[in-house]
Amino acid sequence: MEHDEDIMIAKLREHRNLKIMAMEIGERCGVPVTPTQKNDSRGDFTYPAEQEEQLFHAMDHFLGPRIYGGADNAKVG
């Protein structure tokens, strides 16, 4: 039997992993993505506003094939 806490822990792990993934994509494309702390009103991470398009493009490039199909091994670059 799964307990409510087990579900919450699984969601928290998923959230953490998505945050780490965003930071890793940023690192690969040269955009510094910094995690925030203590429920920061800015969200889970920050990045330079002038590099937003570059970061979003890298995320689309990496996630697009996984969401919509296509290349099995999308690369950020």
C-alpha atoms as a PDB file:
ATOM      1  CA  MET A   1       0.000   0.000   0.000  1.00  0.00           C
ATOM      2  CA  GLU A   2       1.340   3.375  -1.005  1.00  0.00           C
ATOM      3  CA  HIS A   3       1.121   6.109   1.598  1.00  0.00           C
ATOM      4  CA  ASP A   4       0.515   9.801   0.959  1.00  0.00           C
ATOM      5  CA  GLU A   5       4.083  10.514   2.043  1.00  0.00           C
ATOM      6  CA  ASP A   6       5.428   8.112  -0.591  1.00  0.00           C
ATOM      7  CA  ILE A   7       3.572  10.026  -3.291  1.00  0.00           C
ATOM      8  CA  MET A   8       4.845  13.364  -1.980  1.00  0.00           C
ATOM      9  CA  ILE A   9       8.426  12.081  -1.822  1.00  0.00           C
ATOM     10  CA  ALA A  10       8.197  10.801  -5.399  1.00  0.00           C
ATOM     11  CA  LYS A  11       6.879  14.194  -6.593  1.00  0.00           C
ATOM     12  CA  LEU A  12       9.660  15.997  -4.724  1.00  0.00           C
ATOM     13  CA  ARG A  13      12.301  13.757  -6.329  1.00  0.00           C
ATOM     14  CA  GLU A  14      10.816  14.399  -9.764  1.00  0.00           C
ATOM     15  CA  HIS A  15      10.809  18.152  -9.112  1.00  0.00           C
ATOM     16  CA  ARG A  16      14.432  18.056  -7.933  1.00  0.00           C
ATOM     17  CA  ASN A  17      15.491  16.046 -10.978  1.00  0.00           C
ATOM     18  CA  LEU A  18      13.810  18.500 -13.359  1.00  0.00           C
ATOM     19  CA  LYS A  19      15.577  21.382 -11.642  1.00  0.00           C
ATOM     20  CA  ILE A  20      18.930  19.604 -11.939  1.00  0.00           C
ATOM     21  CA  MET A  21      18.215  18.883 -15.603  1.00  0.00           C
ATOM     22  CA  ALA A  22      17.567  22.590 -16.274  1.00  0.00           C
ATOM     23  CA  MET A  23      20.860  23.446 -14.576  1.00  0.00           C
ATOM     24  CA  GLU A  24      22.732  20.822 -16.633  1.00  0.00           C
ATOM     25  CA  ILE A  25      21.220  22.044 -19.905  1.00  0.00           C
ATOM     26  CA  GLY A  26      22.243  25.576 -18.962  1.00  0.00           C
ATOM     27  CA  GLU A  27      25.777  24.436 -18.217  1.00  0.00           C
ATOM     28  CA  ARG A  28      26.043  22.625 -21.557  1.00  0.00           C
ATOM     29  CA  CYS A  29      24.942  25.683 -23.523  1.00  0.00           C
ATOM     30  CA  GLY A  30      26.950  28.214 -21.520  1.00  0.00           C
ATOM     31  CA  VAL A  31      24.092  29.784 -19.561  1.00  0.00           C
ATOM     32  CA  PRO A  32      24.656  29.989 -15.807  1.00  0.00           C
ATOM     33  CA  VAL A  33      21.547  28.544 -14.147  1.00  0.00           C
ATOM     34  CA  THR A  34      21.593  29.029 -10.385  1.00  0.00           C
ATOM     35  CA  PRO A  35      19.249  27.241  -7.983  1.00  0.00           C
ATOM     36  CA  THR A  36      17.269  29.377  -5.566  1.00  0.00           C
ATOM     37  CA  GLN A  37      16.512  28.525  -1.960  1.00  0.00           C
ATOM     38  CA  LYS A  38      13.758  28.849   0.610  1.00  0.00           C
ATOM     39  CA  ASN A  39      10.786  29.069  -1.787  1.00  0.00           C
ATOM     40  CA  ASP A  40      12.250  32.100  -3.528  1.00  0.00           C
ATOM     41  CA  SER A  41       9.581  34.157  -5.287  1.00  0.00           C
ATOM     42  CA  ARG A  42      11.716  34.097  -8.468  1.00  0.00           C
ATOM     43  CA  GLY A  43      11.120  30.362  -8.850  1.00  0.00           C
ATOM     44  CA  ASP A  44      13.366  27.316  -8.613  1.00  0.00           C
ATOM     45  CA  PHE A  45      16.354  28.783 -10.439  1.00  0.00           C
ATOM     46  CA  THR A  46      17.608  31.984 -12.003  1.00  0.00           C
ATOM     47  CA  TYR A  47      19.567  32.747 -15.150  1.00  0.00           C
ATOM     48  CA  PRO A  48      20.670  35.942 -16.896  1.00  0.00           C
ATOM     49  CA  ALA A  49      17.677  37.534 -18.621  1.00  0.00           C
ATOM     50  CA  GLU A  50      19.794  38.353 -21.679  1.00  0.00           C
ATOM     51  CA  GLN A  51      20.459  34.628 -22.149  1.00  0.00           C
ATOM     52  CA  GLU A  52      16.856  33.484 -21.813  1.00  0.00           C
ATOM     53  CA  GLU A  53      16.382  32.804 -25.521  1.00  0.00           C
ATOM     54  CA  GLN A  54      19.607  30.779 -25.642  1.00  0.00           C
ATOM     55  CA  LEU A  55      18.514  28.694 -22.624  1.00  0.00           C
ATOM     56  CA  PHE A  56      14.988  28.129 -23.957  1.00  0.00           C
ATOM     57  CA  HIS A  57      16.364  27.109 -27.344  1.00  0.00           C
ATOM     58  CA  ALA A  58      18.691  24.597 -25.671  1.00  0.00           C
ATOM     59  CA  MET A  59      15.814  23.195 -23.603  1.00  0.00           C
ATOM     60  CA  ASP A  60      13.610  22.895 -26.687  1.00  0.00           C
ATOM     61  CA  HIS A  61      16.450  21.215 -28.573  1.00  0.00           C
ATOM     62  CA  PHE A  62      17.021  18.723 -25.762  1.00  0.00           C
ATOM     63  CA  LEU A  63      13.410  18.052 -24.747  1.00  0.00           C
ATOM     64  CA  GLY A  64      11.607  18.404 -28.089  1.00  0.00           C
ATOM     65  CA  PRO A  65      12.555  14.998 -29.507  1.00  0.00           C
ATOM     66  CA  ARG A  66      11.696  13.352 -26.188  1.00  0.00           C
ATOM     67  CA  ILE A  67       8.271  14.984 -26.061  1.00  0.00           C
ATOM     68  CA  TYR A  68       7.316  14.974 -29.727  1.00  0.00           C
ATOM     69  CA  GLY A  69       9.382  12.064 -31.015  1.00  0.00           C
ATOM     70  CA  GLY A  70      12.385  12.085 -33.256  1.00  0.00           C
ATOM     71  CA  ALA A  71      16.047  11.613 -32.481  1.00  0.00           C
ATOM     72  CA  ASP A  72      16.681   9.234 -29.631  1.00  0.00           C
ATOM     73  CA  ASN A  73      19.834  11.032 -28.559  1.00  0.00           C
ATOM     74  CA  ALA A  74      19.195  14.772 -28.842  1.00  0.00           C
ATOM     75  CA  LYS A  75      22.252  16.816 -27.985  1.00  0.00           C
ATOM     76  CA  VAL A  76      22.461  20.303 -26.574  1.00  0.00           C
ATOM     77  CA  GLY A  77      24.874  22.573 -28.324  1.00  0.00           C
END
